[in-house]
Amino acid sequence: MRTSYKDYKSKNLDAFLNQCMIQLNELPVPDLQLLDARFRKAMVDCYRLFGDLAFRKQKRGNPRRSPVNRALFEVWAASVESLSPVDVQRLEAKSGTCANVFLHC
């Protein structure tokens, strides 16, 4: 994306986000396709790592799935998207233990 969060200097978050949306809407098709591919890969990788509990703040001992947590979605999606395939494989190998730490708060 052309506008980095590091460029946010004022106290007007709405104006900053509106500018980001304007830029997103003006992206050429190849750039949109690249963003789409990166997003889809991140979603697949999150599912590989966290399974059906991805983006959910699960309470210990509660067998029901909690609703998707927006903050977890944003942070995990952005974090996982930046991982290399090797990093995802390493985490997936440990996901039985790592996921339990993150999901059962």
PDB file of N, CA and C in Angstrom:
ATOM      1  N   MET A   1       0.842  -1.173   0.000  1.00  0.00           N
ATOM      2  CA  MET A   1       0.000   0.000   0.000  1.00  0.00           C
ATOM      3  C   MET A   1       0.886   1.235   0.000  1.00  0.00           C
ATOM      4  N   ARG A   2       0.445   2.253  -0.588  1.00  0.00           N
ATOM      5  CA  ARG A   2       1.256   3.457  -0.747  1.00  0.00           C
ATOM      6  C   ARG A   2       1.359   4.286   0.527  1.00  0.00           C
ATOM      7  N   THR A   3       0.348   4.280   1.350  1.00  0.00           N
ATOM      8  CA  THR A   3       0.366   5.073   2.575  1.00  0.00           C
ATOM      9  C   THR A   3       0.675   4.152   3.746  1.00  0.00           C
ATOM     10  N   SER A   4       1.773   4.418   4.385  1.00  0.00           N
ATOM     11  CA  SER A   4       2.170   3.616   5.532  1.00  0.00           C
ATOM     12  C   SER A   4       1.546   4.185   6.803  1.00  0.00           C
ATOM     13  N   TYR A   5       1.321   3.329   7.757  1.00  0.00           N
ATOM     14  CA  TYR A   5       0.847   3.806   9.052  1.00  0.00           C
ATOM     15  C   TYR A   5       1.862   4.767   9.664  1.00  0.00           C
ATOM     16  N   LYS A   6       3.127   4.654   9.243  1.00  0.00           N
ATOM     17  CA  LYS A   6       4.165   5.542   9.758  1.00  0.00           C
ATOM     18  C   LYS A   6       3.959   6.978   9.287  1.00  0.00           C
ATOM     19  N   ASP A   7       3.169   7.149   8.222  1.00  0.00           N
ATOM     20  CA  ASP A   7       2.888   8.483   7.710  1.00  0.00           C
ATOM     21  C   ASP A   7       1.799   9.195   8.497  1.00  0.00           C
ATOM     22  N   TYR A   8       1.149   8.485   9.397  1.00  0.00           N
ATOM     23  CA  TYR A   8       0.078   9.080  10.203  1.00  0.00           C
ATOM     24  C   TYR A   8       0.702   9.946  11.291  1.00  0.00           C
ATOM     25  N   LYS A   9       0.559  11.253  11.147  1.00  0.00           N
ATOM     26  CA  LYS A   9       1.171  12.165  12.101  1.00  0.00           C
ATOM     27  C   LYS A   9       0.149  13.046  12.818  1.00  0.00           C
ATOM     28  N   SER A  10      -0.953  13.302  12.181  1.00  0.00           N
ATOM     29  CA  SER A  10      -1.939  14.183  12.801  1.00  0.00           C
ATOM     30  C   SER A  10      -2.816  13.392  13.762  1.00  0.00           C
ATOM     31  N   LYS A  11      -3.725  14.095  14.371  1.00  0.00           N
ATOM     32  CA  LYS A  11      -4.649  13.438  15.306  1.00  0.00           C
ATOM     33  C   LYS A  11      -5.973  13.106  14.638  1.00  0.00           C
ATOM     34  N   ASN A  12      -6.028  13.228  13.318  1.00  0.00           N
ATOM     35  CA  ASN A  12      -7.256  12.977  12.590  1.00  0.00           C
ATOM     36  C   ASN A  12      -7.181  11.623  11.892  1.00  0.00           C
ATOM     37  N   LEU A  13      -7.516  10.585  12.629  1.00  0.00           N
ATOM     38  CA  LEU A  13      -7.449   9.222  12.090  1.00  0.00           C
ATOM     39  C   LEU A  13      -8.425   9.027  10.938  1.00  0.00           C
ATOM     40  N   ASP A  14      -9.604   9.640  11.018  1.00  0.00           N
ATOM     41  CA  ASP A  14     -10.592   9.496   9.941  1.00  0.00           C
ATOM     42  C   ASP A  14     -10.043  10.004   8.611  1.00  0.00           C
ATOM     43  N   ALA A  15      -9.387  11.150   8.629  1.00  0.00           N
ATOM     44  CA  ALA A  15      -8.828  11.711   7.393  1.00  0.00           C
ATOM     45  C   ALA A  15      -7.749  10.784   6.841  1.00  0.00           C
ATOM     46  N   PHE A  16      -6.927  10.242   7.725  1.00  0.00           N
ATOM     47  CA  PHE A  16      -5.873   9.315   7.295  1.00  0.00           C
ATOM     48  C   PHE A  16      -6.476   8.071   6.653  1.00  0.00           C
ATOM     49  N   LEU A  17      -7.464   7.476   7.300  1.00  0.00           N
ATOM     50  CA  LEU A  17      -8.099   6.271   6.756  1.00  0.00           C
ATOM     51  C   LEU A  17      -8.846   6.570   5.461  1.00  0.00           C
ATOM     52  N   ASN A  18      -9.485   7.729   5.382  1.00  0.00           N
ATOM     53  CA  ASN A  18     -10.166   8.111   4.141  1.00  0.00           C
ATOM     54  C   ASN A  18      -9.169   8.232   2.993  1.00  0.00           C
ATOM     55  N   GLN A  19      -8.004   8.821   3.265  1.00  0.00           N
ATOM     56  CA  GLN A  19      -6.976   8.939   2.238  1.00  0.00           C
ATOM     57  C   GLN A  19      -6.492   7.551   1.789  1.00  0.00           C
ATOM     58  N   CYS A  20      -6.330   6.651   2.736  1.00  0.00           N
ATOM     59  CA  CYS A  20      -5.934   5.279   2.399  1.00  0.00           C
ATOM     60  C   CYS A  20      -6.976   4.624   1.505  1.00  0.00           C
ATOM     61  N   MET A  21      -8.252   4.812   1.806  1.00  0.00           N
ATOM     62  CA  MET A  21      -9.311   4.209   0.996  1.00  0.00           C
ATOM     63  C   MET A  21      -9.342   4.806  -0.404  1.00  0.00           C
ATOM     64  N   ILE A  22      -9.095   6.098  -0.516  1.00  0.00           N
ATOM     65  CA  ILE A  22      -9.028   6.731  -1.838  1.00  0.00           C
ATOM     66  C   ILE A  22      -7.918   6.083  -2.651  1.00  0.00           C
ATOM     67  N   GLN A  23      -6.766   5.903  -2.024  1.00  0.00           N
ATOM     68  CA  GLN A  23      -5.647   5.285  -2.731  1.00  0.00           C
ATOM     69  C   GLN A  23      -5.947   3.839  -3.116  1.00  0.00           C
ATOM     70  N   LEU A  24      -6.596   3.095  -2.220  1.00  0.00           N
ATOM     71  CA  LEU A  24      -6.967   1.709  -2.551  1.00  0.00           C
ATOM     72  C   LEU A  24      -7.917   1.661  -3.743  1.00  0.00           C
ATOM     73  N   ASN A  25      -8.874   2.560  -3.765  1.00  0.00           N
ATOM     74  CA  ASN A  25      -9.852   2.583  -4.859  1.00  0.00           C
ATOM     75  C   ASN A  25      -9.239   2.978  -6.193  1.00  0.00           C
ATOM     76  N   GLU A  26      -8.077   3.603  -6.161  1.00  0.00           N
ATOM     77  CA  GLU A  26      -7.420   4.030  -7.391  1.00  0.00           C
ATOM     78  C   GLU A  26      -6.348   3.045  -7.867  1.00  0.00           C
ATOM     79  N   LEU A  27      -6.151   1.961  -7.137  1.00  0.00           N
ATOM     80  CA  LEU A  27      -5.112   1.000  -7.513  1.00  0.00           C
ATOM     81  C   LEU A  27      -5.441   0.340  -8.852  1.00  0.00           C
ATOM     82  N   PRO A  28      -4.424   0.103  -9.666  1.00  0.00           N
ATOM     83  CA  PRO A  28      -4.654  -0.636 -10.912  1.00  0.00           C
ATOM     84  C   PRO A  28      -4.970  -2.111 -10.611  1.00  0.00           C
ATOM     85  N   VAL A  29      -5.595  -2.773 -11.559  1.00  0.00           N
ATOM     86  CA  VAL A  29      -6.032  -4.155 -11.384  1.00  0.00           C
ATOM     87  C   VAL A  29      -4.897  -5.091 -10.956  1.00  0.00           C
ATOM     88  N   PRO A  30      -3.699  -5.014 -11.555  1.00  0.00           N
ATOM     89  CA  PRO A  30      -2.637  -5.931 -11.112  1.00  0.00           C
ATOM     90  C   PRO A  30      -2.281  -5.760  -9.628  1.00  0.00           C
ATOM     91  N   ASP A  31      -2.305  -4.528  -9.141  1.00  0.00           N
ATOM     92  CA  ASP A  31      -2.025  -4.298  -7.723  1.00  0.00           C
ATOM     93  C   ASP A  31      -3.136  -4.871  -6.837  1.00  0.00           C
ATOM     94  N   LEU A  32      -4.381  -4.731  -7.286  1.00  0.00           N
ATOM     95  CA  LEU A  32      -5.508  -5.303  -6.539  1.00  0.00           C
ATOM     96  C   LEU A  32      -5.421  -6.821  -6.513  1.00  0.00           C
ATOM     97  N   GLN A  33      -5.015  -7.400  -7.626  1.00  0.00           N
ATOM     98  CA  GLN A  33      -4.869  -8.858  -7.681  1.00  0.00           C
ATOM     99  C   GLN A  33      -3.770  -9.334  -6.739  1.00  0.00           C
ATOM    100  N   LEU A  34      -2.693  -8.573  -6.651  1.00  0.00           N
ATOM    101  CA  LEU A  34      -1.620  -8.917  -5.729  1.00  0.00           C
ATOM    102  C   LEU A  34      -2.100  -8.830  -4.278  1.00  0.00           C
ATOM    103  N   LEU A  35      -2.833  -7.774  -3.937  1.00  0.00           N
ATOM    104  CA  LEU A  35      -3.379  -7.656  -2.581  1.00  0.00           C
ATOM    105  C   LEU A  35      -4.332  -8.806  -2.282  1.00  0.00           C
ATOM    106  N   ASP A  36      -5.149  -9.170  -3.268  1.00  0.00           N
ATOM    107  CA  ASP A  36      -6.091 -10.280  -3.099  1.00  0.00           C
ATOM    108  C   ASP A  36      -5.339 -11.582  -2.831  1.00  0.00           C
ATOM    109  N   ALA A  37      -4.291 -11.830  -3.592  1.00  0.00           N
ATOM    110  CA  ALA A  37      -3.509 -13.063  -3.414  1.00  0.00           C
ATOM    111  C   ALA A  37      -2.836 -13.086  -2.048  1.00  0.00           C
ATOM    112  N   ARG A  38      -2.288 -11.964  -1.620  1.00  0.00           N
ATOM    113  CA  ARG A  38      -1.636 -11.899  -0.304  1.00  0.00           C
ATOM    114  C   ARG A  38      -2.651 -12.124   0.813  1.00  0.00           C
ATOM    115  N   PHE A  39      -3.842 -11.531   0.671  1.00  0.00           N
ATOM    116  CA  PHE A  39      -4.884 -11.703   1.685  1.00  0.00           C
ATOM    117  C   PHE A  39      -5.322 -13.164   1.764  1.00  0.00           C
ATOM    118  N   ARG A  40      -5.563 -13.775   0.621  1.00  0.00           N
ATOM    119  CA  ARG A  40      -6.011 -15.171   0.601  1.00  0.00           C
ATOM    120  C   ARG A  40      -4.955 -16.107   1.193  1.00  0.00           C
ATOM    121  N   LYS A  41      -3.690 -15.863   0.868  1.00  0.00           N
ATOM    122  CA  LYS A  41      -2.618 -16.676   1.419  1.00  0.00           C
ATOM    123  C   LYS A  41      -2.577 -16.524   2.938  1.00  0.00           C
ATOM    124  N   ALA A  42      -2.735 -15.299   3.429  1.00  0.00           N
ATOM    125  CA  ALA A  42      -2.730 -15.072   4.874  1.00  0.00           C
ATOM    126  C   ALA A  42      -3.885 -15.812   5.550  1.00  0.00           C
ATOM    127  N   MET A  43      -5.059 -15.824   4.911  1.00  0.00           N
ATOM    128  CA  MET A  43      -6.204 -16.510   5.496  1.00  0.00           C
ATOM    129  C   MET A  43      -5.974 -18.015   5.534  1.00  0.00           C
ATOM    130  N   VAL A  44      -5.414 -18.565   4.462  1.00  0.00           N
ATOM    131  CA  VAL A  44      -5.117 -20.003   4.422  1.00  0.00           C
ATOM    132  C   VAL A  44      -4.078 -20.342   5.492  1.00  0.00           C
ATOM    133  N   ASP A  45      -3.041 -19.520   5.594  1.00  0.00           N
ATOM    134  CA  ASP A  45      -2.000 -19.777   6.587  1.00  0.00           C
ATOM    135  C   ASP A  45      -2.547 -19.656   8.007  1.00  0.00           C
ATOM    136  N   CYS A  46      -3.421 -18.691   8.258  1.00  0.00           N
ATOM    137  CA  CYS A  46      -4.031 -18.575   9.588  1.00  0.00           C
ATOM    138  C   CYS A  46      -4.851 -19.821   9.909  1.00  0.00           C
ATOM    139  N   TYR A  47      -5.570 -20.336   8.923  1.00  0.00           N
ATOM    140  CA  TYR A  47      -6.340 -21.552   9.154  1.00  0.00           C
ATOM    141  C   TYR A  47      -5.404 -22.728   9.431  1.00  0.00           C
ATOM    142  N   ARG A  48      -4.296 -22.793   8.673  1.00  0.00           N
ATOM    143  CA  ARG A  48      -3.324 -23.870   8.901  1.00  0.00           C
ATOM    144  C   ARG A  48      -2.780 -23.805  10.331  1.00  0.00           C
ATOM    145  N   LEU A  49      -2.548 -22.610  10.835  1.00  0.00           N
ATOM    146  CA  LEU A  49      -1.952 -22.455  12.157  1.00  0.00           C
ATOM    147  C   LEU A  49      -2.961 -22.580  13.292  1.00  0.00           C
ATOM    148  N   PHE A  50      -4.161 -22.037  13.098  1.00  0.00           N
ATOM    149  CA  PHE A  50      -5.114 -21.946  14.204  1.00  0.00           C
ATOM    150  C   PHE A  50      -6.394 -22.755  14.010  1.00  0.00           C
ATOM    151  N   GLY A  51      -6.565 -23.322  12.822  1.00  0.00           N
ATOM    152  CA  GLY A  51      -7.754 -24.140  12.576  1.00  0.00           C
ATOM    153  C   GLY A  51      -9.042 -23.346  12.687  1.00  0.00           C
ATOM    154  N   ASP A  52     -10.078 -24.007  13.161  1.00  0.00           N
ATOM    155  CA  ASP A  52     -11.396 -23.381  13.285  1.00  0.00           C
ATOM    156  C   ASP A  52     -11.436 -22.275  14.333  1.00  0.00           C
ATOM    157  N   LEU A  53     -10.410 -22.185  15.149  1.00  0.00           N
ATOM    158  CA  LEU A  53     -10.390 -21.158  16.197  1.00  0.00           C
ATOM    159  C   LEU A  53      -9.635 -19.903  15.777  1.00  0.00           C
ATOM    160  N   ALA A  54      -9.253 -19.825  14.514  1.00  0.00           N
ATOM    161  CA  ALA A  54      -8.542 -18.632  14.041  1.00  0.00           C
ATOM    162  C   ALA A  54      -9.399 -17.390  14.286  1.00  0.00           C
ATOM    163  N   PHE A  55      -8.763 -16.372  14.803  1.00  0.00           N
ATOM    164  CA  PHE A  55      -9.364 -15.058  15.052  1.00  0.00           C
ATOM    165  C   PHE A  55     -10.411 -15.076  16.164  1.00  0.00           C
ATOM    166  N   ARG A  56     -10.396 -16.116  16.976  1.00  0.00           N
ATOM    167  CA  ARG A  56     -11.370 -16.212  18.074  1.00  0.00           C
ATOM    168  C   ARG A  56     -10.648 -16.234  19.410  1.00  0.00           C
ATOM    169  N   LYS A  57     -11.138 -15.449  20.341  1.00  0.00           N
ATOM    170  CA  LYS A  57     -10.585 -15.434  21.690  1.00  0.00           C
ATOM    171  C   LYS A  57     -11.369 -16.463  22.493  1.00  0.00           C
ATOM    172  N   GLN A  58     -10.812 -17.645  22.568  1.00  0.00           N
ATOM    173  CA  GLN A  58     -11.494 -18.776  23.181  1.00  0.00           C
ATOM    174  C   GLN A  58     -11.251 -18.776  24.686  1.00  0.00           C
ATOM    175  N   LYS A  59     -12.302 -18.943  25.447  1.00  0.00           N
ATOM    176  CA  LYS A  59     -12.155 -19.034  26.903  1.00  0.00           C
ATOM    177  C   LYS A  59     -11.860 -20.474  27.281  1.00  0.00           C
ATOM    178  N   ARG A  60     -10.921 -20.636  28.190  1.00  0.00           N
ATOM    179  CA  ARG A  60     -10.518 -21.965  28.635  1.00  0.00           C
ATOM    180  C   ARG A  60     -11.727 -22.724  29.196  1.00  0.00           C
ATOM    181  N   GLY A  61     -11.880 -23.956  28.741  1.00  0.00           N
ATOM    182  CA  GLY A  61     -12.957 -24.803  29.238  1.00  0.00           C
ATOM    183  C   GLY A  61     -14.284 -24.613  28.525  1.00  0.00           C
ATOM    184  N   ASN A  62     -14.385 -23.648  27.623  1.00  0.00           N
ATOM    185  CA  ASN A  62     -15.628 -23.417  26.908  1.00  0.00           C
ATOM    186  C   ASN A  62     -15.556 -24.125  25.552  1.00  0.00           C
ATOM    187  N   PRO A  63     -16.387 -25.160  25.346  1.00  0.00           N
ATOM    188  CA  PRO A  63     -16.302 -25.920  24.096  1.00  0.00           C
ATOM    189  C   PRO A  63     -16.885 -25.183  22.886  1.00  0.00           C
ATOM    190  N   ARG A  64     -17.699 -24.147  23.122  1.00  0.00           N
ATOM    191  CA  ARG A  64     -18.314 -23.408  22.013  1.00  0.00           C
ATOM    192  C   ARG A  64     -17.320 -22.440  21.400  1.00  0.00           C
ATOM    193  N   ARG A  65     -17.438 -22.255  20.089  1.00  0.00           N
ATOM    194  CA  ARG A  65     -16.578 -21.284  19.414  1.00  0.00           C
ATOM    195  C   ARG A  65     -17.069 -19.878  19.726  1.00  0.00           C
ATOM    196  N   SER A  66     -16.145 -19.022  20.082  1.00  0.00           N
ATOM    197  CA  SER A  66     -16.467 -17.619  20.320  1.00  0.00           C
ATOM    198  C   SER A  66     -16.591 -16.904  18.983  1.00  0.00           C
ATOM    199  N   PRO A  67     -17.203 -15.713  18.981  1.00  0.00           N
ATOM    200  CA  PRO A  67     -17.264 -14.964  17.723  1.00  0.00           C
ATOM    201  C   PRO A  67     -15.870 -14.503  17.301  1.00  0.00           C
ATOM    202  N   VAL A  68     -15.733 -14.180  16.029  1.00  0.00           N
ATOM    203  CA  VAL A  68     -14.463 -13.666  15.523  1.00  0.00           C
ATOM    204  C   VAL A  68     -14.167 -12.344  16.226  1.00  0.00           C
ATOM    205  N   ASN A  69     -12.934 -12.210  16.676  1.00  0.00           N
ATOM    206  CA  ASN A  69     -12.484 -11.014  17.362  1.00  0.00           C
ATOM    207  C   ASN A  69     -11.777 -10.126  16.334  1.00  0.00           C
ATOM    208  N   ARG A  70     -12.292  -8.933  16.105  1.00  0.00           N
ATOM    209  CA  ARG A  70     -11.762  -8.042  15.070  1.00  0.00           C
ATOM    210  C   ARG A  70     -10.298  -7.702  15.302  1.00  0.00           C
ATOM    211  N   ALA A  71      -9.926  -7.434  16.544  1.00  0.00           N
ATOM    212  CA  ALA A  71      -8.530  -7.085  16.845  1.00  0.00           C
ATOM    213  C   ALA A  71      -7.602  -8.259  16.529  1.00  0.00           C
ATOM    214  N   LEU A  72      -7.999  -9.475  16.912  1.00  0.00           N
ATOM    215  CA  LEU A  72      -7.187 -10.645  16.594  1.00  0.00           C
ATOM    216  C   LEU A  72      -7.092 -10.842  15.081  1.00  0.00           C
ATOM    217  N   PHE A  73      -8.203 -10.629  14.378  1.00  0.00           N
ATOM    218  CA  PHE A  73      -8.190 -10.772  12.925  1.00  0.00           C
ATOM    219  C   PHE A  73      -7.170  -9.837  12.302  1.00  0.00           C
ATOM    220  N   GLU A  74      -7.206  -8.571  12.689  1.00  0.00           N
ATOM    221  CA  GLU A  74      -6.307  -7.586  12.086  1.00  0.00           C
ATOM    222  C   GLU A  74      -4.850  -7.889  12.398  1.00  0.00           C
ATOM    223  N   VAL A  75      -4.562  -8.199  13.652  1.00  0.00           N
ATOM    224  CA  VAL A  75      -3.170  -8.425  14.044  1.00  0.00           C
ATOM    225  C   VAL A  75      -2.637  -9.733  13.471  1.00  0.00           C
ATOM    226  N   TRP A  76      -3.395 -10.810  13.617  1.00  0.00           N
ATOM    227  CA  TRP A  76      -2.901 -12.100  13.126  1.00  0.00           C
ATOM    228  C   TRP A  76      -2.806 -12.116  11.611  1.00  0.00           C
ATOM    229  N   ALA A  77      -3.783 -11.533  10.921  1.00  0.00           N
ATOM    230  CA  ALA A  77      -3.738 -11.519   9.462  1.00  0.00           C
ATOM    231  C   ALA A  77      -2.506 -10.763   8.969  1.00  0.00           C
ATOM    232  N   ALA A  78      -2.256  -9.596   9.542  1.00  0.00           N
ATOM    233  CA  ALA A  78      -1.094  -8.804   9.129  1.00  0.00           C
ATOM    234  C   ALA A  78       0.207  -9.501   9.502  1.00  0.00           C
ATOM    235  N   SER A  79       0.253 -10.100  10.669  1.00  0.00           N
ATOM    236  CA  SER A  79       1.475 -10.767  11.114  1.00  0.00           C
ATOM    237  C   SER A  79       1.762 -12.014  10.287  1.00  0.00           C
ATOM    238  N   VAL A  80       0.764 -12.822  10.071  1.00  0.00           N
ATOM    239  CA  VAL A  80       0.953 -14.074   9.328  1.00  0.00           C
ATOM    240  C   VAL A  80       1.268 -13.775   7.869  1.00  0.00           C
ATOM    241  N   GLU A  81       0.686 -12.723   7.315  1.00  0.00           N
ATOM    242  CA  GLU A  81       0.949 -12.375   5.910  1.00  0.00           C
ATOM    243  C   GLU A  81       2.422 -12.066   5.686  1.00  0.00           C
ATOM    244  N   SER A  82       3.079 -11.543   6.704  1.00  0.00           N
ATOM    245  CA  SER A  82       4.487 -11.161   6.554  1.00  0.00           C
ATOM    246  C   SER A  82       5.447 -12.339   6.726  1.00  0.00           C
ATOM    247  N   LEU A  83       4.936 -13.508   7.109  1.00  0.00           N
ATOM    248  CA  LEU A  83       5.794 -14.676   7.319  1.00  0.00           C
ATOM    249  C   LEU A  83       6.174 -15.340   5.994  1.00  0.00           C
ATOM    250  N   SER A  84       7.352 -15.914   5.985  1.00  0.00           N
ATOM    251  CA  SER A  84       7.771 -16.694   4.818  1.00  0.00           C
ATOM    252  C   SER A  84       7.099 -18.070   4.885  1.00  0.00           C
ATOM    253  N   PRO A  85       7.044 -18.781   3.761  1.00  0.00           N
ATOM    254  CA  PRO A  85       6.480 -20.143   3.795  1.00  0.00           C
ATOM    255  C   PRO A  85       7.208 -21.049   4.787  1.00  0.00           C
ATOM    256  N   VAL A  86       8.516 -20.887   4.926  1.00  0.00           N
ATOM    257  CA  VAL A  86       9.287 -21.693   5.876  1.00  0.00           C
ATOM    258  C   VAL A  86       8.850 -21.373   7.311  1.00  0.00           C
ATOM    259  N   ASP A  87       8.640 -20.093   7.606  1.00  0.00           N
ATOM    260  CA  ASP A  87       8.185 -19.706   8.944  1.00  0.00           C
ATOM    261  C   ASP A  87       6.811 -20.300   9.250  1.00  0.00           C
ATOM    262  N   VAL A  88       5.929 -20.265   8.261  1.00  0.00           N
ATOM    263  CA  VAL A  88       4.588 -20.836   8.459  1.00  0.00           C
ATOM    264  C   VAL A  88       4.691 -22.331   8.726  1.00  0.00           C
ATOM    265  N   GLN A  89       5.557 -23.024   7.995  1.00  0.00           N
ATOM    266  CA  GLN A  89       5.737 -24.461   8.221  1.00  0.00           C
ATOM    267  C   GLN A  89       6.267 -24.735   9.619  1.00  0.00           C
ATOM    268  N   ARG A  90       7.217 -23.934  10.064  1.00  0.00           N
ATOM    269  CA  ARG A  90       7.752 -24.117  11.423  1.00  0.00           C
ATOM    270  C   ARG A  90       6.668 -23.921  12.473  1.00  0.00           C
ATOM    271  N   LEU A  91       5.888 -22.877  12.310  1.00  0.00           N
ATOM    272  CA  LEU A  91       4.808 -22.626  13.265  1.00  0.00           C
ATOM    273  C   LEU A  91       3.741 -23.710  13.196  1.00  0.00           C
ATOM    274  N   GLU A  92       3.453 -24.171  11.991  1.00  0.00           N
ATOM    275  CA  GLU A  92       2.447 -25.226  11.838  1.00  0.00           C
ATOM    276  C   GLU A  92       2.885 -26.491  12.562  1.00  0.00           C
ATOM    277  N   ALA A  93       4.183 -26.793  12.511  1.00  0.00           N
ATOM    278  CA  ALA A  93       4.709 -27.971  13.203  1.00  0.00           C
ATOM    279  C   ALA A  93       4.521 -27.846  14.712  1.00  0.00           C
ATOM    280  N   LYS A  94       4.496 -26.609  15.208  1.00  0.00           N
ATOM    281  CA  LYS A  94       4.328 -26.376  16.643  1.00  0.00           C
ATOM    282  C   LYS A  94       2.925 -25.902  16.992  1.00  0.00           C
ATOM    283  N   SER A  95       2.026 -25.876  16.034  1.00  0.00           N
ATOM    284  CA  SER A  95       0.722 -25.253  16.255  1.00  0.00           C
ATOM    285  C   SER A  95      -0.087 -25.913  17.357  1.00  0.00           C
ATOM    286  N   GLY A  96       0.132 -27.178  17.620  1.00  0.00           N
ATOM    287  CA  GLY A  96      -0.589 -27.828  18.712  1.00  0.00           C
ATOM    288  C   GLY A  96      -0.294 -27.186  20.045  1.00  0.00           C
ATOM    289  N   THR A  97       0.928 -26.734  20.237  1.00  0.00           N
ATOM    290  CA  THR A  97       1.283 -26.087  21.495  1.00  0.00           C
ATOM    291  C   THR A  97       1.149 -24.579  21.413  1.00  0.00           C
ATOM    292  N   CYS A  98       1.585 -23.972  20.299  1.00  0.00           N
ATOM    293  CA  CYS A  98       1.533 -22.506  20.168  1.00  0.00           C
ATOM    294  C   CYS A  98       0.103 -22.003  20.141  1.00  0.00           C
ATOM    295  N   ALA A  99      -0.748 -22.653  19.371  1.00  0.00           N
ATOM    296  CA  ALA A  99      -2.124 -22.188  19.262  1.00  0.00           C
ATOM    297  C   ALA A  99      -2.803 -22.213  20.609  1.00  0.00           C
ATOM    298  N   ASN A 100      -2.524 -23.216  21.411  1.00  0.00           N
ATOM    299  CA  ASN A 100      -3.139 -23.287  22.729  1.00  0.00           C
ATOM    300  C   ASN A 100      -2.746 -22.109  23.603  1.00  0.00           C
ATOM    301  N   VAL A 101      -1.527 -21.655  23.486  1.00  0.00           N
ATOM    302  CA  VAL A 101      -1.078 -20.514  24.271  1.00  0.00           C
ATOM    303  C   VAL A 101      -1.835 -19.253  23.866  1.00  0.00           C
ATOM    304  N   PHE A 102      -2.004 -19.038  22.542  1.00  0.00           N
ATOM    305  CA  PHE A 102      -2.643 -17.831  22.072  1.00  0.00           C
ATOM    306  C   PHE A 102      -4.152 -17.867  22.208  1.00  0.00           C
ATOM    307  N   LEU A 103      -4.755 -19.013  22.020  1.00  0.00           N
ATOM    308  CA  LEU A 103      -6.205 -19.071  21.929  1.00  0.00           C
ATOM    309  C   LEU A 103      -6.906 -19.224  23.268  1.00  0.00           C
ATOM    310  N   HIS A 104      -6.225 -19.728  24.261  1.00  0.00           N
ATOM    311  CA  HIS A 104      -6.889 -19.954  25.539  1.00  0.00           C
ATOM    312  C   HIS A 104      -6.383 -18.958  26.565  1.00  0.00           C
ATOM    313  N   CYS A 105      -6.902 -17.766  26.447  1.00  0.00           N
ATOM    314  CA  CYS A 105      -6.465 -16.682  27.333  1.00  0.00           C
ATOM    315  C   CYS A 105      -7.206 -16.732  28.665  1.00  0.00           C
TER     316      CYS A 105
END
